[in-house]
Structures are given as structure tokens and as C-alpha cells.
Amino acid sequence: MHLLGIDALSREAIVRLLDRADTYFNAAREAKASSAPIATSRALAGRSVVNLFFEASTRTRVSFEVAAKRLGADVVNVAAQASSVSKGETLLDTVKNLAAMGTDVLVMRHPASGAPHFVAGRTPLHVVNAGDGAHEHPTQALLDALTLRRHKGRIEGLRVAICGDILHSRVARSNALLLGKMGAKVHFVAPRTLLPAAADELGAHPGDIEVFDDFDMAIRGVDAVMLLRIQNERLASLSMVPSTAEYARTFGLTAARAAALPDGVLVMHPGPINRGVELAGGVADGARSVVLEQVEAGVAVRMAVLESLFEAAA
């Protein structure tokens, strides 16, 4: 079994993963509250997980490592810059060599859209997509959904504004698919230069997504506002966005905008945050923010995903 994207998951499969992750989340919270060690499992004892990352990562890579270790697995982290890829070895040869060492799971982040799918069809390893180009980031969408469900008690019927660099965002795409499958509505808001063509068709069903280029209109009546950073490393031209100051004023969640939101509206961000650009620093650290809870949820969700790979294969 692999986890390559949200599109392949049924609503029922998503609920099962969220339910399992919720159990792990609660157990970790209870341990922290009592200053006890977080309990570990032997569910993946004797298994090995390789994190193969061709792009920089803090939250995703570390949380996959923590998740695997809490399940009793052995973990190896491989940075592309320190691997034989830097000597010209192909991606597929790298993966074949990792499989030959007797590893079980490949967690892969790659700048090329579709790279995990290419590998998954050519290796006996279980492959988990940890982000492929501007395509998908399924475990991020799952952890965002878990965070929403824990606060709102449901996902169905919610409205979530996703604001920022939609064009280059795998997070936006995976969230749009998952939220649509679970019965929520999505507002995409960005400068027109940072919106993909037919952005309103990226959801799971027609009508799942409404597109805006006015930030204040987009956040009216929503249950959560998710900010995305401008992905300068993927921009073909800096002329696609205005100055940083103008962008922050027009498309950023400023302190004034956050203060005007109704009670109960959550502020979310997949990280890393560019403080003062898409999200004011005080808002990121404020009472509405669930950013660090998203990070917590990331460990629980990735535990659920890793464990489910072997149950499905049994």
C-alpha cells in the first residue's frame, strides 16, 4: 500500500485515519499533561522507514521520524545533497538500492510533481508522498483536517479560506480535495498571478471551491483562515507579486483583520511562516492560532498513516 495523494482516499478511509490519529494525539496530550513519557508502540518493530528528502523540511521530516520511532520502527534520514544523487545517480537507482538494503517504507519529498507515483510503481517499498512539487501533500491535509475536527467537532459544513500562493501550493491542492470529500467548502484567495487556471475546479466535486481576489470578502463567514507563504523558490519571476509590503497589506492576515474576525474562527498555517508577510507575528502567536497544534497533529497523523500501510498489506 502507498499514500500518494488524497484523491485515492475514500471519505471512509479519511475518517479511519483521523480517528486513529485522534487516539494518538490524545495519548500524547495526556502524557504531556502529567509530565509522563509519551508511550511508544511496537506496531512497527523490526520495520525500517527511510525519509528521502530532495527539498528542505523541518516539520514534515522530523514528524515522520518521531512518528516512526514512537511506533517502534528504525528510521534513516537521507538528504539528497548528501546522497549519491549528487554524483549523478538516478532517483530510481537510489530507491532500488534502498529497497535492496531491506527497508520497508520510503517517505519521499521531491520537487517534481508525480515523482512518488513514478517510484511507487517500480519498487516493493511502501511509498508515502511527503510533498511532490506543486502537486500534493496528503499528510498535511490530513493533519489540517484533524485540527479542524478537534476544534469544530466536524468537517462537514465548514468553510475554510486558503489564502496566498495557491499556484505553487501542494498544501492548497490536497486540502481542497480532502475538505471537499468531507463536505466542507473552500475559499481560494490570492493575487490573480498566484492562482492556477481553473482554480475552482481543483476540489473533489463541482462547487467545492469559490475563488476570490479580495481578501476581506474571502474571509467573511468562514470557520478557519489558512495562510500560505509565497514560495519564492518556485516563482519564475518576482513580478508575479507586488512588493512584500503591498502584499502584506492586501493579502496578509494583519492584526486588524484578525481582530475583526468573529469568535471561533481559527488561524492556520502549514509553515514555515513568513511573519509580517502573509501572517502578522502577533496573530501567529495569538489565541486564534492553532499553528502549533497542527504540528502536534502532524506526528499523530503520520503515526496513523505509517501503521495503516502494514495493516492494509497484511
Protein backbone atom coordinates (compact mmCIF):
# COMPACT_ATOMS: atom_id res chain seq x y z
CA MET A 1 0.00 0.00 0.00
CA HIS A 2 1.07 3.60 -0.65
CA LEU A 3 -0.18 7.04 0.30
CA LEU A 4 0.44 9.17 -2.77
CA GLY A 5 -2.41 11.66 -2.62
CA ILE A 6 -5.81 12.49 -1.20
CA ASP A 7 -7.57 11.69 -4.45
CA ALA A 8 -7.14 7.94 -3.91
CA LEU A 9 -8.63 8.03 -0.39
CA SER A 10 -12.33 7.48 0.18
CA ARG A 11 -14.21 9.52 2.73
CA GLU A 12 -14.37 6.40 4.91
CA ALA A 13 -10.60 5.89 4.70
CA ILE A 14 -10.02 9.51 5.69
CA VAL A 15 -12.29 9.15 8.71
CA ARG A 16 -10.48 5.96 9.80
CA LEU A 17 -7.11 7.70 9.61
CA LEU A 18 -8.39 10.73 11.52
CA ASP A 19 -9.95 8.56 14.20
CA ARG A 20 -6.72 6.63 14.69
CA ALA A 21 -4.67 9.83 14.70
CA ASP A 22 -7.03 11.37 17.26
CA THR A 23 -6.27 8.48 19.62
CA TYR A 24 -2.53 9.07 19.27
CA PHE A 25 -2.99 12.82 19.70
CA ASN A 26 -4.98 12.39 22.91
CA ALA A 27 -2.45 9.92 24.33
CA ALA A 28 0.40 12.36 23.71
CA ARG A 29 -1.54 15.25 25.25
CA GLU A 30 -2.37 13.21 28.35
CA ALA A 31 1.27 12.21 28.77
CA LYS A 32 2.43 15.83 28.49
CA ALA A 33 -0.21 16.98 30.98
CA SER A 34 1.08 14.51 33.57
CA SER A 35 4.76 15.07 32.67
CA ALA A 36 4.96 11.38 31.81
CA PRO A 37 6.93 9.96 28.88
CA ILE A 38 4.84 9.66 25.73
CA ALA A 39 4.01 5.99 25.32
CA THR A 40 5.56 4.13 22.42
CA SER A 41 4.23 1.20 20.46
CA ARG A 42 5.78 -1.93 18.97
CA ALA A 43 3.41 -1.87 15.98
CA LEU A 44 6.30 -1.34 13.55
CA ALA A 45 9.02 -3.16 15.50
CA GLY A 46 11.52 -4.65 13.07
CA ARG A 47 10.40 -2.35 10.27
CA SER A 48 12.59 0.37 8.77
CA VAL A 49 11.48 3.74 7.44
CA VAL A 50 13.64 5.85 5.13
CA ASN A 51 12.98 9.58 4.86
CA LEU A 52 14.33 10.61 1.44
CA PHE A 53 14.02 14.37 1.09
CA PHE A 54 15.10 16.28 -2.01
CA GLU A 55 13.77 19.54 -0.58
CA ALA A 56 14.30 21.28 2.74
CA SER A 57 11.92 20.35 5.55
CA THR A 58 11.64 20.71 9.30
CA ARG A 59 8.10 19.82 10.38
CA THR A 60 7.37 17.05 7.88
CA ARG A 61 10.69 15.21 8.05
CA VAL A 62 11.06 15.41 11.83
CA SER A 63 7.45 14.46 12.50
CA PHE A 64 7.73 11.40 10.24
CA GLU A 65 10.85 10.42 12.17
CA VAL A 66 9.18 10.93 15.56
CA ALA A 67 6.07 9.08 14.36
CA ALA A 68 8.04 6.07 13.12
CA LYS A 69 10.11 5.86 16.30
CA ARG A 70 7.02 6.03 18.51
CA LEU A 71 5.75 3.01 16.57
CA GLY A 72 8.99 1.12 17.19
CA ALA A 73 10.46 1.40 13.68
CA ASP A 74 14.07 2.05 12.78
CA VAL A 75 14.49 5.34 10.91
CA VAL A 76 17.09 6.51 8.42
CA ASN A 77 17.13 10.10 7.14
CA VAL A 78 18.66 10.73 3.72
CA ALA A 79 19.20 14.23 2.37
CA ALA A 80 19.60 14.27 -1.40
CA GLN A 81 22.58 16.61 -1.16
CA ALA A 82 24.45 14.02 0.90
CA SER A 83 23.46 11.04 -1.23
CA SER A 84 24.76 9.58 -4.48
CA VAL A 85 22.16 11.65 -6.32
CA SER A 86 24.71 14.45 -6.06
CA LYS A 87 27.06 12.20 -8.08
CA GLY A 88 24.55 11.64 -10.85
CA GLU A 89 22.67 8.57 -9.61
CA THR A 90 19.07 8.46 -10.81
CA LEU A 91 16.10 8.62 -8.47
CA LEU A 92 15.05 5.10 -9.38
CA ASP A 93 18.53 3.67 -8.81
CA THR A 94 18.63 5.35 -5.41
CA VAL A 95 15.29 3.81 -4.46
CA LYS A 96 16.29 0.36 -5.76
CA ASN A 97 19.39 0.46 -3.60
CA LEU A 98 17.39 1.45 -0.54
CA ALA A 99 14.99 -1.43 -1.18
CA ALA A 100 17.91 -3.85 -1.58
CA MET A 101 19.02 -2.99 1.96
CA GLY A 102 15.77 -4.47 3.30
CA THR A 103 13.95 -1.26 4.13
CA ASP A 104 10.15 -1.21 4.28
CA VAL A 105 8.83 2.33 3.87
CA LEU A 106 10.01 5.21 1.72
CA VAL A 107 8.81 8.65 2.78
CA MET A 108 9.75 10.92 -0.10
CA ARG A 109 9.70 14.64 -0.80
CA HIS A 110 10.67 15.67 -4.31
CA PRO A 111 10.45 18.90 -6.35
CA ALA A 112 8.99 17.08 -9.37
CA SER A 113 5.24 16.55 -9.40
CA GLY A 114 4.50 12.85 -9.74
CA ALA A 115 7.90 11.61 -8.54
CA PRO A 116 6.44 9.46 -5.69
CA HIS A 117 3.92 7.96 -8.12
CA PHE A 118 6.72 7.07 -10.54
CA VAL A 119 8.69 5.36 -7.79
CA ALA A 120 5.68 3.58 -6.26
CA GLY A 121 5.04 1.65 -9.44
CA ARG A 122 8.63 0.41 -9.57
CA THR A 123 9.53 -0.65 -6.04
CA PRO A 124 8.30 -3.14 -3.43
CA LEU A 125 8.55 -0.43 -0.77
CA HIS A 126 5.52 1.27 0.74
CA VAL A 127 5.76 4.85 -0.56
CA VAL A 128 4.41 7.88 1.27
CA ASN A 129 4.28 11.19 -0.55
CA ALA A 130 5.70 13.89 1.72
CA GLY A 131 5.21 16.55 -0.94
CA ASP A 132 5.78 16.40 -4.70
CA GLY A 133 6.40 19.70 -6.41
CA ALA A 134 3.27 21.82 -6.55
CA HIS A 135 1.08 18.71 -6.75
CA GLU A 136 0.07 17.21 -3.38
CA HIS A 137 0.96 16.92 0.30
CA PRO A 138 -1.56 14.38 1.63
CA THR A 139 -0.41 14.09 5.24
CA GLN A 140 -0.52 17.89 5.61
CA ALA A 141 -4.17 17.88 4.53
CA LEU A 142 -4.91 15.08 6.98
CA LEU A 143 -3.31 16.89 9.90
CA ASP A 144 -5.14 20.10 8.98
CA ALA A 145 -8.40 18.15 8.91
CA LEU A 146 -7.66 16.61 12.30
CA THR A 147 -7.01 20.06 13.76
CA LEU A 148 -10.26 21.41 12.31
CA ARG A 149 -12.27 18.43 13.55
CA ARG A 150 -10.86 18.66 17.07
CA HIS A 151 -11.92 22.30 17.34
CA LYS A 152 -15.18 22.26 15.41
CA GLY A 153 -16.36 18.71 16.12
CA ARG A 154 -16.87 18.09 12.42
CA ILE A 155 -15.59 18.98 8.97
CA GLU A 156 -18.83 18.73 7.01
CA GLY A 157 -20.44 22.12 6.53
CA LEU A 158 -17.34 24.15 7.41
CA ARG A 159 -15.96 26.95 5.25
CA VAL A 160 -12.19 27.33 5.08
CA ALA A 161 -10.38 30.22 3.40
CA ILE A 162 -7.00 29.25 1.94
CA CYS A 163 -5.05 32.41 1.24
CA GLY A 164 -1.75 33.01 -0.52
CA ASP A 165 0.35 31.33 -3.19
CA ILE A 166 -2.27 28.85 -4.43
CA LEU A 167 -0.50 28.43 -7.77
CA HIS A 168 2.54 26.70 -6.29
CA SER A 169 0.91 25.13 -3.23
CA ARG A 170 0.62 21.36 -2.86
CA VAL A 171 -0.99 22.08 0.52
CA ALA A 172 -3.82 24.01 -1.12
CA ARG A 173 -4.50 21.23 -3.60
CA SER A 174 -4.54 18.43 -1.04
CA ASN A 175 -6.69 20.44 1.35
CA ALA A 176 -9.17 21.34 -1.38
CA LEU A 177 -9.59 17.66 -2.23
CA LEU A 178 -9.89 16.45 1.35
CA LEU A 179 -12.21 19.20 2.54
CA GLY A 180 -14.45 18.66 -0.48
CA LYS A 181 -14.62 14.92 0.16
CA MET A 182 -15.60 15.61 3.75
CA GLY A 183 -18.37 18.06 2.82
CA ALA A 184 -16.63 21.38 3.50
CA LYS A 185 -16.33 24.41 1.22
CA VAL A 186 -13.09 26.17 0.34
CA HIS A 187 -12.43 29.81 -0.49
CA PHE A 188 -9.23 30.31 -2.51
CA VAL A 189 -7.90 33.86 -2.34
CA ALA A 190 -4.72 35.17 -3.96
CA PRO A 191 -3.47 37.72 -6.45
CA ARG A 192 -4.57 36.61 -9.91
CA THR A 193 -0.92 35.93 -10.76
CA LEU A 194 -0.80 33.33 -7.96
CA LEU A 195 -3.99 31.48 -8.86
CA PRO A 196 -3.84 28.42 -11.14
CA ALA A 197 -6.03 28.25 -14.22
CA ALA A 198 -9.45 26.83 -13.39
CA ALA A 199 -8.69 27.05 -9.66
CA ASP A 200 -12.38 26.49 -8.90
CA GLU A 201 -12.12 23.00 -10.43
CA LEU A 202 -9.44 21.69 -8.03
CA GLY A 203 -11.91 20.36 -5.48
CA ALA A 204 -13.34 16.88 -5.14
CA HIS A 205 -16.71 17.98 -6.57
CA PRO A 206 -18.02 20.87 -8.68
CA GLY A 207 -18.86 23.79 -6.42
CA ASP A 208 -16.44 22.85 -3.64
CA ILE A 209 -14.25 25.89 -4.30
CA GLU A 210 -15.04 29.58 -4.65
CA VAL A 211 -12.25 31.84 -5.92
CA PHE A 212 -11.60 35.40 -4.74
CA ASP A 213 -9.05 38.10 -5.36
CA ASP A 214 -10.34 40.23 -2.46
CA PHE A 215 -9.02 39.00 0.88
CA ASP A 216 -11.65 40.69 3.03
CA MET A 217 -14.51 39.21 1.02
CA ALA A 218 -12.93 35.75 1.08
CA ILE A 219 -12.73 35.55 4.86
CA ARG A 220 -16.33 36.58 5.52
CA GLY A 221 -18.34 33.81 7.10
CA VAL A 222 -15.51 31.28 7.29
CA ASP A 223 -14.66 28.93 10.15
CA ALA A 224 -10.91 28.97 9.57
CA VAL A 225 -8.34 31.02 7.68
CA MET A 226 -5.32 29.12 6.40
CA LEU A 227 -2.40 31.25 5.28
CA LEU A 228 0.24 30.13 2.79
CA ARG A 229 3.64 31.67 2.25
CA ILE A 230 4.79 32.94 -1.14
CA GLN A 231 7.02 30.18 -2.49
CA ASN A 232 9.82 32.32 -3.84
CA GLU A 233 11.87 29.22 -4.69
CA ARG A 234 9.21 28.26 -7.27
CA LEU A 235 8.47 31.70 -8.70
CA ALA A 236 9.54 32.12 -12.31
CA SER A 237 9.51 35.87 -11.85
CA LEU A 238 9.27 38.15 -8.85
CA SER A 239 6.97 40.33 -10.94
CA MET A 240 4.22 37.80 -10.18
CA VAL A 241 3.73 39.51 -6.81
CA PRO A 242 3.77 43.11 -5.65
CA SER A 243 6.24 44.35 -3.08
CA THR A 244 6.30 42.48 0.20
CA ALA A 245 4.75 45.44 1.99
CA GLU A 246 1.94 45.75 -0.55
CA TYR A 247 1.28 42.01 -0.50
CA ALA A 248 1.09 42.00 3.32
CA ARG A 249 -1.33 44.92 3.28
CA THR A 250 -3.58 43.41 0.59
CA PHE A 251 -3.36 39.64 1.15
CA GLY A 252 -1.96 39.25 4.65
CA LEU A 253 -3.83 38.42 7.83
CA THR A 254 -2.91 41.55 9.75
CA ALA A 255 -3.66 42.17 13.40
CA ALA A 256 -6.57 44.43 12.43
CA ARG A 257 -8.11 41.81 10.13
CA ALA A 258 -7.71 39.10 12.75
CA ALA A 259 -9.31 41.27 15.42
CA ALA A 260 -12.36 41.77 13.19
CA LEU A 261 -12.95 38.04 12.74
CA PRO A 262 -15.87 36.55 14.70
CA ASP A 263 -15.12 34.47 17.76
CA GLY A 264 -14.18 30.89 16.99
CA VAL A 265 -12.51 31.49 13.63
CA LEU A 266 -9.25 29.54 13.59
CA VAL A 267 -5.96 30.78 12.16
CA MET A 268 -3.90 28.06 10.47
CA HIS A 269 -0.59 27.85 8.63
CA PRO A 270 1.33 24.80 7.36
CA GLY A 271 4.66 26.54 7.97
CA PRO A 272 7.17 27.90 7.58
CA ILE A 273 5.65 31.28 8.40
CA ASN A 274 6.98 34.46 6.85
CA ARG A 275 5.99 36.71 9.73
CA GLY A 276 4.73 40.10 8.73
CA VAL A 277 4.01 38.98 5.17
CA GLU A 278 1.11 36.51 4.93
CA LEU A 279 0.60 36.43 8.70
CA ALA A 280 1.26 39.01 11.40
CA GLY A 281 3.56 37.72 14.12
CA GLY A 282 1.14 38.60 16.92
CA VAL A 283 -1.67 36.73 15.16
CA ALA A 284 0.53 33.67 14.65
CA ASP A 285 1.13 33.59 18.40
CA GLY A 286 -2.37 34.70 19.38
CA ALA A 287 -5.36 32.94 20.89
CA ARG A 288 -6.92 32.14 17.49
CA SER A 289 -3.81 30.43 16.20
CA VAL A 290 -3.70 26.63 16.05
CA VAL A 291 -0.39 26.54 14.18
CA LEU A 292 1.49 24.61 16.85
CA GLU A 293 -1.45 22.27 17.30
CA GLN A 294 -1.15 21.48 13.59
CA VAL A 295 2.45 20.47 14.26
CA GLU A 296 1.30 18.22 17.12
CA ALA A 297 -1.34 16.71 14.87
CA GLY A 298 1.33 16.01 12.27
CA VAL A 299 3.01 13.40 14.47
CA ALA A 300 -0.31 11.71 15.27
CA VAL A 301 -1.45 11.65 11.64
CA ARG A 302 1.86 10.26 10.42
CA MET A 303 1.73 7.54 13.05
CA ALA A 304 -1.73 6.61 11.79
CA VAL A 305 -0.57 6.59 8.17
CA LEU A 306 2.56 4.50 8.78
CA GLU A 307 0.69 1.94 10.85
CA SER A 308 -2.10 1.68 8.28
CA LEU A 309 0.34 0.81 5.49
CA PHE A 310 1.10 -2.56 7.01
CA GLU A 311 -2.43 -3.38 8.10
CA ALA A 312 -3.66 -2.87 4.54
CA ALA A 313 -0.84 -5.04 3.20
CA ALA A 314 -1.48 -7.88 5.66
